[in-house]
Amino acid sequence: MPLHREGRATVTIFITLTIVALLLAYLSNVLFAIMAIVLALLLIFVAYFFRTSRRHAPHDALAISSPCDGTVVTVERVREPEIFENQERLQISVFMSVWNVHMNWYPCSGTVSYSRHHRGKYLVAWLPKSSTENERSSVVITHTSGERILIRQVAGAVARRIVTYASEGRDVTGGQELGFIKFGSRVDVYLPLDAEVLVNVGDRVRGVETALARLR
């Protein structure tokens, strides 16, 4: 189970703390042994959380893949103010629990035409207003068809750091890594209204391998 680069520092800290607790347990008393056990369990969880996963992108150039693993929590028409000037778009949101792989991927191929990070609140990620009020990163991909696809990484009540690798002007490929969100969050995808939706609320999806929608 390969470790993601974003987790190396955190895992190193837990390894160090566990070793120190074991040494203190050997030299001192049983309380440090209990501490070492707790730290070792946390180390296992953290290493599991920061795991990586290889994915294979679909060959359909018009397919919009899920940018992350998780559960679909929103499929609705909304007005999007940041990029589309309150015009209606089709929003599909995927919520990631702490048990999901937290890598994020580009849902389609194209060129990064916009990338911004916004500070904000840390509301629970499945609330609709978290998309506009929480800390978030917005990335727009100009699809090879000319359509603009907005991907928004949204921090949750537990997530405290969003990592985005996008840079404006860069050509990207669907399935290429977009970023990472630490400890629970969601990712929103905004599509043209005529896109063919392929998922329903409650569906479990796999990043890259599950198509959320298809452009017409």
N, C-alpha and C. Protein backbone atom coordinates (compact mmCIF):
# COMPACT_ATOMS: atom_id res chain seq x y z
N MET A 1 0.85 -1.19 0.00
CA MET A 1 0.00 0.00 0.00
C MET A 1 0.89 1.25 0.00
N PRO A 2 1.16 1.83 -1.17
CA PRO A 2 2.05 2.99 -1.25
C PRO A 2 1.51 4.17 -0.45
N LEU A 3 2.41 4.93 0.14
CA LEU A 3 2.05 6.10 0.93
C LEU A 3 2.09 7.34 0.05
N HIS A 4 1.05 8.16 0.14
CA HIS A 4 1.01 9.39 -0.64
C HIS A 4 2.01 10.40 -0.08
N ARG A 5 2.60 11.19 -0.95
CA ARG A 5 3.62 12.16 -0.52
C ARG A 5 3.08 13.17 0.49
N GLU A 6 1.76 13.47 0.44
CA GLU A 6 1.20 14.43 1.37
C GLU A 6 1.13 13.88 2.80
N GLY A 7 1.30 12.58 2.95
CA GLY A 7 1.21 11.99 4.28
C GLY A 7 2.55 11.64 4.90
N ARG A 8 3.63 11.86 4.16
CA ARG A 8 4.94 11.43 4.67
C ARG A 8 5.32 12.11 5.98
N ALA A 9 5.12 13.42 6.07
CA ALA A 9 5.49 14.15 7.29
C ALA A 9 4.65 13.70 8.48
N THR A 10 3.34 13.53 8.25
CA THR A 10 2.44 13.11 9.34
C THR A 10 2.79 11.72 9.83
N VAL A 11 3.03 10.80 8.91
CA VAL A 11 3.39 9.44 9.29
C VAL A 11 4.72 9.41 10.03
N THR A 12 5.67 10.22 9.59
CA THR A 12 6.98 10.29 10.26
C THR A 12 6.83 10.75 11.70
N ILE A 13 5.96 11.74 11.92
CA ILE A 13 5.71 12.23 13.29
C ILE A 13 5.16 11.12 14.17
N PHE A 14 4.18 10.37 13.65
CA PHE A 14 3.58 9.31 14.46
C PHE A 14 4.57 8.17 14.71
N ILE A 15 5.42 7.87 13.75
CA ILE A 15 6.44 6.84 13.96
C ILE A 15 7.39 7.28 15.08
N THR A 16 7.81 8.54 15.03
CA THR A 16 8.72 9.06 16.04
C THR A 16 8.09 9.02 17.43
N LEU A 17 6.84 9.48 17.52
CA LEU A 17 6.15 9.48 18.82
C LEU A 17 5.97 8.06 19.36
N THR A 18 5.67 7.12 18.47
CA THR A 18 5.49 5.73 18.90
C THR A 18 6.80 5.15 19.43
N ILE A 19 7.89 5.42 18.74
CA ILE A 19 9.20 4.93 19.19
C ILE A 19 9.57 5.52 20.54
N VAL A 20 9.34 6.83 20.69
CA VAL A 20 9.64 7.48 21.98
C VAL A 20 8.82 6.87 23.10
N ALA A 21 7.52 6.63 22.83
CA ALA A 21 6.65 6.04 23.85
C ALA A 21 7.11 4.64 24.22
N LEU A 22 7.56 3.86 23.24
CA LEU A 22 8.06 2.51 23.51
C LEU A 22 9.32 2.55 24.37
N LEU A 23 10.21 3.49 24.08
CA LEU A 23 11.43 3.63 24.88
C LEU A 23 11.10 4.02 26.31
N LEU A 24 10.16 4.96 26.45
CA LEU A 24 9.77 5.39 27.80
C LEU A 24 9.07 4.26 28.55
N ALA A 25 8.30 3.45 27.82
CA ALA A 25 7.65 2.30 28.45
C ALA A 25 8.68 1.30 28.96
N TYR A 26 9.73 1.11 28.19
CA TYR A 26 10.79 0.17 28.58
C TYR A 26 11.55 0.70 29.80
N LEU A 27 11.76 2.02 29.84
CA LEU A 27 12.55 2.62 30.91
C LEU A 27 11.73 3.03 32.12
N SER A 28 10.42 3.17 31.93
CA SER A 28 9.62 3.76 32.99
C SER A 28 8.49 2.84 33.44
N ASN A 29 7.25 3.13 32.99
CA ASN A 29 6.11 2.36 33.51
C ASN A 29 5.10 2.01 32.42
N VAL A 30 4.05 1.32 32.85
CA VAL A 30 3.07 0.76 31.92
C VAL A 30 2.23 1.83 31.22
N LEU A 31 2.12 3.03 31.81
CA LEU A 31 1.33 4.08 31.18
C LEU A 31 1.88 4.44 29.80
N PHE A 32 3.20 4.43 29.69
CA PHE A 32 3.81 4.73 28.39
C PHE A 32 3.59 3.58 27.41
N ALA A 33 3.44 2.37 27.93
CA ALA A 33 3.14 1.23 27.05
C ALA A 33 1.75 1.39 26.45
N ILE A 34 0.80 1.84 27.27
CA ILE A 34 -0.56 2.09 26.76
C ILE A 34 -0.53 3.21 25.72
N MET A 35 0.25 4.24 26.02
CA MET A 35 0.38 5.35 25.08
C MET A 35 0.98 4.86 23.75
N ALA A 36 1.96 3.98 23.85
CA ALA A 36 2.60 3.45 22.64
C ALA A 36 1.60 2.66 21.80
N ILE A 37 0.73 1.90 22.45
CA ILE A 37 -0.28 1.12 21.74
C ILE A 37 -1.25 2.04 21.01
N VAL A 38 -1.70 3.09 21.72
CA VAL A 38 -2.62 4.06 21.11
C VAL A 38 -1.97 4.74 19.92
N LEU A 39 -0.73 5.16 20.08
CA LEU A 39 -0.02 5.83 18.99
C LEU A 39 0.20 4.89 17.81
N ALA A 40 0.46 3.63 18.10
CA ALA A 40 0.66 2.65 17.02
C ALA A 40 -0.64 2.46 16.23
N LEU A 41 -1.77 2.43 16.93
CA LEU A 41 -3.06 2.30 16.24
C LEU A 41 -3.34 3.53 15.39
N LEU A 42 -3.03 4.71 15.93
CA LEU A 42 -3.21 5.94 15.16
C LEU A 42 -2.29 5.96 13.95
N LEU A 43 -1.09 5.45 14.12
CA LEU A 43 -0.14 5.37 13.00
C LEU A 43 -0.70 4.50 11.88
N ILE A 44 -1.29 3.37 12.24
CA ILE A 44 -1.88 2.48 11.24
C ILE A 44 -3.01 3.21 10.49
N PHE A 45 -3.86 3.92 11.24
CA PHE A 45 -4.96 4.65 10.61
C PHE A 45 -4.44 5.74 9.67
N VAL A 46 -3.46 6.51 10.14
CA VAL A 46 -2.93 7.61 9.32
C VAL A 46 -2.28 7.07 8.05
N ALA A 47 -1.52 5.99 8.19
CA ALA A 47 -0.88 5.39 7.02
C ALA A 47 -1.94 4.89 6.03
N TYR A 48 -3.02 4.33 6.56
CA TYR A 48 -4.12 3.85 5.70
C TYR A 48 -4.80 5.03 5.01
N PHE A 49 -5.02 6.11 5.75
CA PHE A 49 -5.69 7.28 5.19
C PHE A 49 -4.89 7.87 4.03
N PHE A 50 -3.58 7.93 4.16
CA PHE A 50 -2.74 8.55 3.15
C PHE A 50 -2.28 7.56 2.08
N ARG A 51 -3.03 6.50 1.87
CA ARG A 51 -2.67 5.53 0.84
C ARG A 51 -2.92 6.11 -0.55
N THR A 52 -2.25 5.56 -1.52
CA THR A 52 -2.47 5.95 -2.91
C THR A 52 -3.19 4.82 -3.64
N SER A 53 -3.68 5.12 -4.82
CA SER A 53 -4.40 4.11 -5.59
C SER A 53 -4.25 4.40 -7.08
N ARG A 54 -3.88 3.40 -7.83
CA ARG A 54 -3.76 3.55 -9.28
C ARG A 54 -5.13 3.38 -9.93
N ARG A 55 -5.44 4.23 -10.89
CA ARG A 55 -6.72 4.17 -11.57
C ARG A 55 -6.51 4.20 -13.09
N HIS A 56 -7.50 3.66 -13.80
CA HIS A 56 -7.45 3.63 -15.26
C HIS A 56 -8.59 4.47 -15.81
N ALA A 57 -8.25 5.52 -16.53
CA ALA A 57 -9.26 6.44 -17.06
C ALA A 57 -10.03 5.80 -18.21
N PRO A 58 -11.33 6.13 -18.34
CA PRO A 58 -12.11 5.61 -19.46
C PRO A 58 -11.63 6.21 -20.78
N HIS A 59 -11.92 5.53 -21.88
CA HIS A 59 -11.47 6.00 -23.19
C HIS A 59 -12.45 6.98 -23.83
N ASP A 60 -13.61 7.18 -23.22
CA ASP A 60 -14.62 8.08 -23.76
C ASP A 60 -14.20 9.53 -23.50
N ALA A 61 -13.88 10.27 -24.54
CA ALA A 61 -13.39 11.65 -24.38
C ALA A 61 -14.46 12.59 -23.84
N LEU A 62 -15.73 12.23 -23.99
CA LEU A 62 -16.81 13.10 -23.51
C LEU A 62 -17.27 12.75 -22.10
N ALA A 63 -16.74 11.67 -21.54
CA ALA A 63 -17.12 11.27 -20.18
C ALA A 63 -16.46 12.18 -19.15
N ILE A 64 -17.22 12.54 -18.12
CA ILE A 64 -16.70 13.31 -16.99
C ILE A 64 -16.63 12.35 -15.81
N SER A 65 -15.42 11.97 -15.45
CA SER A 65 -15.23 10.98 -14.40
C SER A 65 -15.34 11.60 -13.02
N SER A 66 -15.59 10.77 -12.04
CA SER A 66 -15.59 11.26 -10.66
C SER A 66 -14.18 11.69 -10.29
N PRO A 67 -14.03 12.87 -9.68
CA PRO A 67 -12.69 13.33 -9.29
C PRO A 67 -12.19 12.70 -7.98
N CYS A 68 -13.03 11.87 -7.35
CA CYS A 68 -12.63 11.28 -6.07
C CYS A 68 -13.48 10.05 -5.77
N ASP A 69 -13.07 9.30 -4.77
CA ASP A 69 -13.87 8.21 -4.24
C ASP A 69 -14.90 8.79 -3.27
N GLY A 70 -16.04 8.12 -3.13
CA GLY A 70 -17.00 8.58 -2.14
C GLY A 70 -18.43 8.28 -2.52
N THR A 71 -19.34 9.08 -1.97
CA THR A 71 -20.77 8.91 -2.18
C THR A 71 -21.36 10.17 -2.79
N VAL A 72 -22.16 10.01 -3.82
CA VAL A 72 -22.81 11.16 -4.45
C VAL A 72 -23.85 11.73 -3.49
N VAL A 73 -23.72 13.02 -3.16
CA VAL A 73 -24.65 13.65 -2.21
C VAL A 73 -25.50 14.74 -2.86
N THR A 74 -25.11 15.17 -4.06
CA THR A 74 -25.87 16.23 -4.73
C THR A 74 -25.87 15.99 -6.24
N VAL A 75 -27.05 16.08 -6.83
CA VAL A 75 -27.20 16.15 -8.29
C VAL A 75 -28.32 17.16 -8.51
N GLU A 76 -27.97 18.40 -8.85
CA GLU A 76 -28.99 19.43 -8.97
C GLU A 76 -28.52 20.60 -9.82
N ARG A 77 -29.48 21.39 -10.26
CA ARG A 77 -29.18 22.63 -10.98
C ARG A 77 -28.98 23.73 -9.95
N VAL A 78 -27.90 24.48 -10.10
CA VAL A 78 -27.60 25.57 -9.17
C VAL A 78 -27.10 26.78 -9.96
N ARG A 79 -27.11 27.93 -9.30
CA ARG A 79 -26.50 29.12 -9.88
C ARG A 79 -25.09 29.24 -9.31
N GLU A 80 -24.12 29.33 -10.19
CA GLU A 80 -22.72 29.33 -9.76
C GLU A 80 -22.14 30.73 -9.96
N PRO A 81 -21.75 31.43 -8.86
CA PRO A 81 -21.34 32.83 -8.97
C PRO A 81 -19.86 33.07 -9.31
N GLU A 82 -18.98 32.19 -8.87
CA GLU A 82 -17.55 32.48 -8.99
C GLU A 82 -17.06 32.48 -10.44
N ILE A 83 -17.49 31.51 -11.20
CA ILE A 83 -16.98 31.34 -12.56
C ILE A 83 -18.04 31.70 -13.61
N PHE A 84 -19.28 31.30 -13.35
CA PHE A 84 -20.31 31.39 -14.38
C PHE A 84 -21.31 32.52 -14.15
N GLU A 85 -20.95 33.49 -13.28
CA GLU A 85 -21.73 34.71 -13.09
C GLU A 85 -23.20 34.43 -12.80
N ASN A 86 -23.43 33.50 -11.89
CA ASN A 86 -24.78 33.12 -11.44
C ASN A 86 -25.63 32.46 -12.52
N GLN A 87 -25.00 32.03 -13.59
CA GLN A 87 -25.73 31.22 -14.56
C GLN A 87 -25.94 29.82 -13.98
N GLU A 88 -26.98 29.15 -14.44
CA GLU A 88 -27.25 27.81 -13.95
C GLU A 88 -26.26 26.80 -14.51
N ARG A 89 -25.85 25.91 -13.63
CA ARG A 89 -25.00 24.78 -14.02
C ARG A 89 -25.53 23.53 -13.32
N LEU A 90 -25.12 22.41 -13.81
CA LEU A 90 -25.46 21.14 -13.19
C LEU A 90 -24.36 20.78 -12.20
N GLN A 91 -24.72 20.68 -10.93
CA GLN A 91 -23.74 20.37 -9.89
C GLN A 91 -23.88 18.91 -9.45
N ILE A 92 -22.75 18.20 -9.46
CA ILE A 92 -22.68 16.85 -8.91
C ILE A 92 -21.61 16.87 -7.84
N SER A 93 -21.98 16.48 -6.63
CA SER A 93 -21.05 16.53 -5.50
C SER A 93 -20.82 15.14 -4.94
N VAL A 94 -19.56 14.86 -4.61
CA VAL A 94 -19.18 13.57 -4.04
C VAL A 94 -18.54 13.81 -2.68
N PHE A 95 -19.11 13.17 -1.65
CA PHE A 95 -18.59 13.30 -0.29
C PHE A 95 -17.62 12.17 0.01
N MET A 96 -16.46 12.54 0.57
CA MET A 96 -15.45 11.56 0.96
C MET A 96 -15.43 11.41 2.48
N SER A 97 -15.61 10.19 2.95
CA SER A 97 -15.46 9.93 4.38
C SER A 97 -13.97 9.70 4.67
N VAL A 98 -13.63 9.57 5.93
CA VAL A 98 -12.22 9.36 6.28
C VAL A 98 -11.72 8.01 5.79
N TRP A 99 -12.63 7.11 5.39
CA TRP A 99 -12.22 5.78 4.95
C TRP A 99 -11.94 5.72 3.45
N ASN A 100 -12.31 6.77 2.73
CA ASN A 100 -12.05 6.79 1.29
C ASN A 100 -10.62 7.20 0.98
N VAL A 101 -10.13 6.77 -0.18
CA VAL A 101 -8.88 7.32 -0.70
C VAL A 101 -9.11 8.81 -0.93
N HIS A 102 -8.19 9.65 -0.47
CA HIS A 102 -8.41 11.10 -0.53
C HIS A 102 -7.62 11.80 -1.63
N MET A 103 -7.09 11.03 -2.55
CA MET A 103 -6.52 11.63 -3.75
C MET A 103 -7.66 12.21 -4.59
N ASN A 104 -7.38 13.29 -5.30
CA ASN A 104 -8.33 13.86 -6.25
C ASN A 104 -7.71 13.82 -7.64
N TRP A 105 -8.56 13.58 -8.64
CA TRP A 105 -8.08 13.45 -10.01
C TRP A 105 -8.83 14.41 -10.94
N TYR A 106 -8.19 14.77 -12.05
CA TYR A 106 -8.90 15.55 -13.07
C TYR A 106 -9.98 14.66 -13.69
N PRO A 107 -11.20 15.17 -13.81
CA PRO A 107 -12.29 14.35 -14.35
C PRO A 107 -12.32 14.27 -15.87
N CYS A 108 -11.50 15.07 -16.53
CA CYS A 108 -11.49 15.08 -17.99
C CYS A 108 -10.18 15.71 -18.47
N SER A 109 -9.94 15.61 -19.75
CA SER A 109 -8.75 16.21 -20.34
C SER A 109 -9.06 17.63 -20.81
N GLY A 110 -8.04 18.46 -20.83
CA GLY A 110 -8.21 19.84 -21.29
C GLY A 110 -7.08 20.71 -20.78
N THR A 111 -7.37 22.00 -20.66
CA THR A 111 -6.38 22.98 -20.21
C THR A 111 -6.89 23.68 -18.95
N VAL A 112 -6.04 23.81 -17.95
CA VAL A 112 -6.43 24.53 -16.73
C VAL A 112 -6.50 26.02 -17.06
N SER A 113 -7.70 26.58 -16.99
CA SER A 113 -7.87 28.00 -17.33
C SER A 113 -8.09 28.87 -16.09
N TYR A 114 -8.24 28.23 -14.92
CA TYR A 114 -8.49 29.00 -13.69
C TYR A 114 -8.14 28.12 -12.51
N SER A 115 -7.47 28.70 -11.51
CA SER A 115 -7.16 27.97 -10.28
C SER A 115 -7.03 28.96 -9.14
N ARG A 116 -7.92 28.84 -8.14
CA ARG A 116 -7.90 29.76 -7.00
C ARG A 116 -8.20 29.00 -5.71
N HIS A 117 -7.53 29.43 -4.63
CA HIS A 117 -7.82 28.90 -3.29
C HIS A 117 -8.53 29.97 -2.48
N HIS A 118 -9.57 29.57 -1.75
CA HIS A 118 -10.36 30.51 -0.95
C HIS A 118 -10.39 30.04 0.50
N ARG A 119 -10.09 30.94 1.41
CA ARG A 119 -10.23 30.62 2.83
C ARG A 119 -11.71 30.64 3.19
N GLY A 120 -12.08 29.93 4.26
CA GLY A 120 -13.48 29.90 4.63
C GLY A 120 -13.72 29.13 5.91
N LYS A 121 -14.96 28.71 6.10
CA LYS A 121 -15.36 28.00 7.31
C LYS A 121 -15.04 26.51 7.17
N TYR A 122 -15.42 25.75 8.21
CA TYR A 122 -15.23 24.30 8.19
C TYR A 122 -16.54 23.62 8.60
N LEU A 123 -17.60 23.94 7.85
CA LEU A 123 -18.88 23.28 8.08
C LEU A 123 -18.79 21.84 7.61
N VAL A 124 -19.71 20.99 8.10
CA VAL A 124 -19.70 19.60 7.63
C VAL A 124 -19.88 19.59 6.13
N ALA A 125 -19.12 18.75 5.46
CA ALA A 125 -18.96 18.86 4.01
C ALA A 125 -20.21 18.47 3.21
N TRP A 126 -21.16 17.75 3.84
CA TRP A 126 -22.33 17.36 3.04
C TRP A 126 -23.40 18.46 3.01
N LEU A 127 -23.23 19.54 3.78
CA LEU A 127 -24.18 20.66 3.72
C LEU A 127 -24.02 21.41 2.40
N PRO A 128 -25.12 21.78 1.73
CA PRO A 128 -25.02 22.50 0.46
C PRO A 128 -24.20 23.79 0.54
N LYS A 129 -24.36 24.55 1.65
CA LYS A 129 -23.66 25.83 1.74
C LYS A 129 -22.16 25.69 1.94
N SER A 130 -21.69 24.47 2.21
CA SER A 130 -20.24 24.28 2.35
C SER A 130 -19.52 24.59 1.04
N SER A 131 -20.22 24.45 -0.09
CA SER A 131 -19.60 24.70 -1.39
C SER A 131 -19.18 26.16 -1.56
N THR A 132 -19.88 27.07 -0.88
CA THR A 132 -19.59 28.49 -1.04
C THR A 132 -19.03 29.14 0.22
N GLU A 133 -19.18 28.48 1.39
CA GLU A 133 -18.74 29.09 2.64
C GLU A 133 -17.49 28.45 3.23
N ASN A 134 -17.22 27.20 2.90
CA ASN A 134 -16.05 26.53 3.46
C ASN A 134 -14.77 26.89 2.73
N GLU A 135 -13.64 26.57 3.35
CA GLU A 135 -12.37 26.67 2.63
C GLU A 135 -12.46 25.78 1.40
N ARG A 136 -11.97 26.28 0.26
CA ARG A 136 -12.16 25.54 -0.98
C ARG A 136 -11.13 25.98 -2.02
N SER A 137 -10.94 25.13 -3.00
CA SER A 137 -10.12 25.46 -4.16
C SER A 137 -10.95 25.21 -5.41
N SER A 138 -10.95 26.18 -6.31
CA SER A 138 -11.72 26.07 -7.55
C SER A 138 -10.76 25.95 -8.73
N VAL A 139 -11.01 24.95 -9.56
CA VAL A 139 -10.18 24.72 -10.74
C VAL A 139 -11.10 24.56 -11.94
N VAL A 140 -10.82 25.31 -13.00
CA VAL A 140 -11.61 25.20 -14.23
C VAL A 140 -10.77 24.54 -15.30
N ILE A 141 -11.35 23.51 -15.91
CA ILE A 141 -10.73 22.84 -17.04
C ILE A 141 -11.50 23.22 -18.30
N THR A 142 -10.81 23.79 -19.26
CA THR A 142 -11.44 23.99 -20.57
C THR A 142 -11.29 22.69 -21.33
N HIS A 143 -12.40 21.99 -21.42
CA HIS A 143 -12.42 20.66 -22.04
C HIS A 143 -12.03 20.75 -23.51
N THR A 144 -11.57 19.64 -24.04
CA THR A 144 -11.16 19.62 -25.45
C THR A 144 -12.32 19.96 -26.39
N SER A 145 -13.56 19.83 -25.88
CA SER A 145 -14.74 20.19 -26.68
C SER A 145 -15.02 21.69 -26.63
N GLY A 146 -14.34 22.40 -25.73
CA GLY A 146 -14.57 23.83 -25.56
C GLY A 146 -15.38 24.17 -24.32
N GLU A 147 -16.07 23.18 -23.73
CA GLU A 147 -16.85 23.41 -22.52
C GLU A 147 -15.92 23.65 -21.33
N ARG A 148 -16.36 24.53 -20.43
CA ARG A 148 -15.61 24.76 -19.19
C ARG A 148 -16.21 23.91 -18.07
N ILE A 149 -15.36 23.13 -17.42
CA ILE A 149 -15.77 22.26 -16.33
C ILE A 149 -15.12 22.77 -15.04
N LEU A 150 -15.95 23.08 -14.06
CA LEU A 150 -15.45 23.57 -12.77
C LEU A 150 -15.38 22.42 -11.78
N ILE A 151 -14.21 22.26 -11.17
CA ILE A 151 -14.03 21.29 -10.08
C ILE A 151 -13.72 22.07 -8.82
N ARG A 152 -14.46 21.82 -7.76
CA ARG A 152 -14.24 22.56 -6.52
C ARG A 152 -13.95 21.58 -5.38
N GLN A 153 -12.75 21.67 -4.83
CA GLN A 153 -12.38 20.88 -3.65
C GLN A 153 -12.86 21.65 -2.42
N VAL A 154 -13.62 20.99 -1.56
CA VAL A 154 -14.23 21.67 -0.42
C VAL A 154 -13.77 21.00 0.87
N ALA A 155 -13.22 21.78 1.79
CA ALA A 155 -12.83 21.25 3.10
C ALA A 155 -14.07 20.99 3.94
N GLY A 156 -13.97 20.03 4.86
CA GLY A 156 -15.09 19.71 5.73
C GLY A 156 -14.81 20.09 7.17
N ALA A 157 -15.60 19.54 8.09
CA ALA A 157 -15.44 19.86 9.51
C ALA A 157 -14.13 19.31 10.06
N VAL A 158 -13.65 18.22 9.46
CA VAL A 158 -12.41 17.60 9.92
C VAL A 158 -11.24 18.00 9.04
N ALA A 159 -11.49 18.10 7.73
CA ALA A 159 -10.42 18.47 6.80
C ALA A 159 -9.90 19.87 7.09
N ARG A 160 -8.60 20.02 7.14
CA ARG A 160 -8.00 21.32 7.44
C ARG A 160 -6.97 21.74 6.41
N ARG A 161 -6.81 20.94 5.38
CA ARG A 161 -5.85 21.34 4.36
C ARG A 161 -6.24 20.78 3.01
N ILE A 162 -6.33 21.67 2.04
CA ILE A 162 -6.59 21.28 0.66
C ILE A 162 -5.30 21.48 -0.12
N VAL A 163 -4.90 20.47 -0.84
CA VAL A 163 -3.72 20.56 -1.70
C VAL A 163 -4.19 20.49 -3.15
N THR A 164 -3.79 21.46 -3.95
CA THR A 164 -4.14 21.49 -5.37
C THR A 164 -2.87 21.64 -6.19
N TYR A 165 -2.71 20.77 -7.17
CA TYR A 165 -1.52 20.81 -8.01
C TYR A 165 -1.75 21.57 -9.32
N ALA A 166 -2.96 22.10 -9.51
CA ALA A 166 -3.31 22.76 -10.77
C ALA A 166 -2.54 24.06 -10.94
N SER A 167 -2.17 24.35 -12.16
CA SER A 167 -1.57 25.65 -12.50
C SER A 167 -2.15 26.10 -13.83
N GLU A 168 -2.52 27.36 -13.90
CA GLU A 168 -3.20 27.89 -15.08
C GLU A 168 -2.33 27.77 -16.33
N GLY A 169 -2.96 27.38 -17.41
CA GLY A 169 -2.27 27.21 -18.68
C GLY A 169 -1.72 25.82 -18.91
N ARG A 170 -1.84 24.96 -17.93
CA ARG A 170 -1.29 23.62 -18.03
C ARG A 170 -2.28 22.68 -18.71
N ASP A 171 -1.80 21.90 -19.65
CA ASP A 171 -2.63 20.86 -20.27
C ASP A 171 -2.64 19.64 -19.36
N VAL A 172 -3.83 19.10 -19.12
CA VAL A 172 -3.96 17.95 -18.22
C VAL A 172 -4.75 16.85 -18.90
N THR A 173 -4.61 15.66 -18.35
CA THR A 173 -5.29 14.49 -18.89
C THR A 173 -6.23 13.93 -17.84
N GLY A 174 -7.41 13.50 -18.27
CA GLY A 174 -8.34 12.88 -17.34
C GLY A 174 -7.70 11.71 -16.62
N GLY A 175 -7.83 11.68 -15.30
CA GLY A 175 -7.20 10.64 -14.50
C GLY A 175 -5.87 11.05 -13.91
N GLN A 176 -5.35 12.19 -14.35
CA GLN A 176 -4.11 12.73 -13.77
C GLN A 176 -4.43 13.31 -12.39
N GLU A 177 -3.47 13.26 -11.47
CA GLU A 177 -3.75 13.70 -10.10
C GLU A 177 -3.93 15.22 -10.03
N LEU A 178 -5.02 15.63 -9.41
CA LEU A 178 -5.35 17.05 -9.22
C LEU A 178 -4.88 17.56 -7.87
N GLY A 179 -5.01 16.73 -6.83
CA GLY A 179 -4.64 17.19 -5.50
C GLY A 179 -5.02 16.18 -4.43
N PHE A 180 -5.13 16.68 -3.21
CA PHE A 180 -5.39 15.82 -2.05
C PHE A 180 -6.08 16.68 -0.99
N ILE A 181 -7.07 16.10 -0.31
CA ILE A 181 -7.73 16.80 0.80
C ILE A 181 -7.57 15.93 2.05
N LYS A 182 -7.12 16.54 3.13
CA LYS A 182 -6.81 15.76 4.33
C LYS A 182 -8.00 15.64 5.27
N PHE A 183 -8.40 14.40 5.52
CA PHE A 183 -9.36 14.02 6.57
C PHE A 183 -10.80 14.50 6.33
N GLY A 184 -11.46 13.91 5.35
CA GLY A 184 -12.89 14.13 5.16
C GLY A 184 -13.22 15.41 4.42
N SER A 185 -14.06 15.33 3.40
CA SER A 185 -14.29 16.50 2.56
C SER A 185 -15.24 16.14 1.42
N ARG A 186 -15.35 17.03 0.43
CA ARG A 186 -16.16 16.74 -0.75
C ARG A 186 -15.56 17.43 -1.96
N VAL A 187 -15.97 16.97 -3.13
CA VAL A 187 -15.56 17.60 -4.38
C VAL A 187 -16.81 17.82 -5.21
N ASP A 188 -16.98 19.06 -5.70
CA ASP A 188 -18.11 19.42 -6.54
C ASP A 188 -17.64 19.52 -7.99
N VAL A 189 -18.48 19.08 -8.90
CA VAL A 189 -18.22 19.23 -10.33
C VAL A 189 -19.39 19.98 -10.94
N TYR A 190 -19.10 21.05 -11.69
CA TYR A 190 -20.14 21.86 -12.32
C TYR A 190 -20.07 21.67 -13.83
N LEU A 191 -21.21 21.27 -14.40
CA LEU A 191 -21.27 20.88 -15.80
C LEU A 191 -22.34 21.68 -16.54
N PRO A 192 -22.28 21.70 -17.87
CA PRO A 192 -23.36 22.34 -18.63
C PRO A 192 -24.68 21.62 -18.37
N LEU A 193 -25.78 22.35 -18.48
CA LEU A 193 -27.09 21.80 -18.13
C LEU A 193 -27.51 20.63 -19.01
N ASP A 194 -26.98 20.56 -20.22
CA ASP A 194 -27.41 19.48 -21.11
C ASP A 194 -26.56 18.22 -20.97
N ALA A 195 -25.65 18.20 -19.99
CA ALA A 195 -24.84 16.99 -19.79
C ALA A 195 -25.74 15.82 -19.38
N GLU A 196 -25.40 14.65 -19.84
CA GLU A 196 -26.16 13.45 -19.50
C GLU A 196 -25.66 12.91 -18.15
N VAL A 197 -26.50 12.95 -17.13
CA VAL A 197 -26.11 12.49 -15.80
C VAL A 197 -26.16 10.97 -15.74
N LEU A 198 -25.12 10.37 -15.20
CA LEU A 198 -25.01 8.91 -15.17
C LEU A 198 -25.05 8.34 -13.75
N VAL A 199 -25.23 9.20 -12.74
CA VAL A 199 -25.27 8.74 -11.35
C VAL A 199 -26.47 9.33 -10.64
N ASN A 200 -26.78 8.77 -9.48
CA ASN A 200 -27.87 9.26 -8.64
C ASN A 200 -27.34 9.54 -7.24
N VAL A 201 -28.07 10.37 -6.49
CA VAL A 201 -27.72 10.62 -5.09
C VAL A 201 -27.71 9.28 -4.34
N GLY A 202 -26.67 9.07 -3.57
CA GLY A 202 -26.53 7.83 -2.81
C GLY A 202 -25.61 6.82 -3.46
N ASP A 203 -25.30 7.02 -4.74
CA ASP A 203 -24.39 6.09 -5.43
C ASP A 203 -22.98 6.22 -4.87
N ARG A 204 -22.32 5.09 -4.73
CA ARG A 204 -20.90 5.09 -4.38
C ARG A 204 -20.09 5.09 -5.67
N VAL A 205 -19.08 5.95 -5.71
CA VAL A 205 -18.31 6.10 -6.94
C VAL A 205 -16.82 5.94 -6.65
N ARG A 206 -16.09 5.58 -7.70
CA ARG A 206 -14.63 5.48 -7.62
C ARG A 206 -14.02 6.55 -8.51
N GLY A 207 -13.06 7.27 -7.94
CA GLY A 207 -12.40 8.30 -8.70
C GLY A 207 -11.82 7.76 -9.99
N VAL A 208 -11.98 8.51 -11.07
CA VAL A 208 -11.48 8.20 -12.41
C VAL A 208 -12.31 7.12 -13.10
N GLU A 209 -12.63 6.05 -12.39
CA GLU A 209 -13.23 4.88 -13.02
C GLU A 209 -14.74 4.95 -13.14
N THR A 210 -15.40 5.81 -12.35
CA THR A 210 -16.85 5.98 -12.45
C THR A 210 -17.15 7.26 -13.21
N ALA A 211 -17.94 7.16 -14.27
CA ALA A 211 -18.35 8.36 -15.02
C ALA A 211 -19.55 8.99 -14.32
N LEU A 212 -19.42 10.27 -13.96
CA LEU A 212 -20.54 10.99 -13.35
C LEU A 212 -21.54 11.45 -14.41
N ALA A 213 -21.01 11.84 -15.55
CA ALA A 213 -21.85 12.40 -16.61
C ALA A 213 -21.12 12.29 -17.94
N ARG A 214 -21.85 12.66 -18.98
CA ARG A 214 -21.26 12.66 -20.32
C ARG A 214 -21.69 13.93 -21.04
N LEU A 215 -20.73 14.63 -21.61
CA LEU A 215 -21.04 15.84 -22.36
C LEU A 215 -21.74 15.48 -23.66
N ARG A 216 -22.62 16.37 -24.10
CA ARG A 216 -23.34 16.12 -25.36
C ARG A 216 -22.68 16.88 -26.51
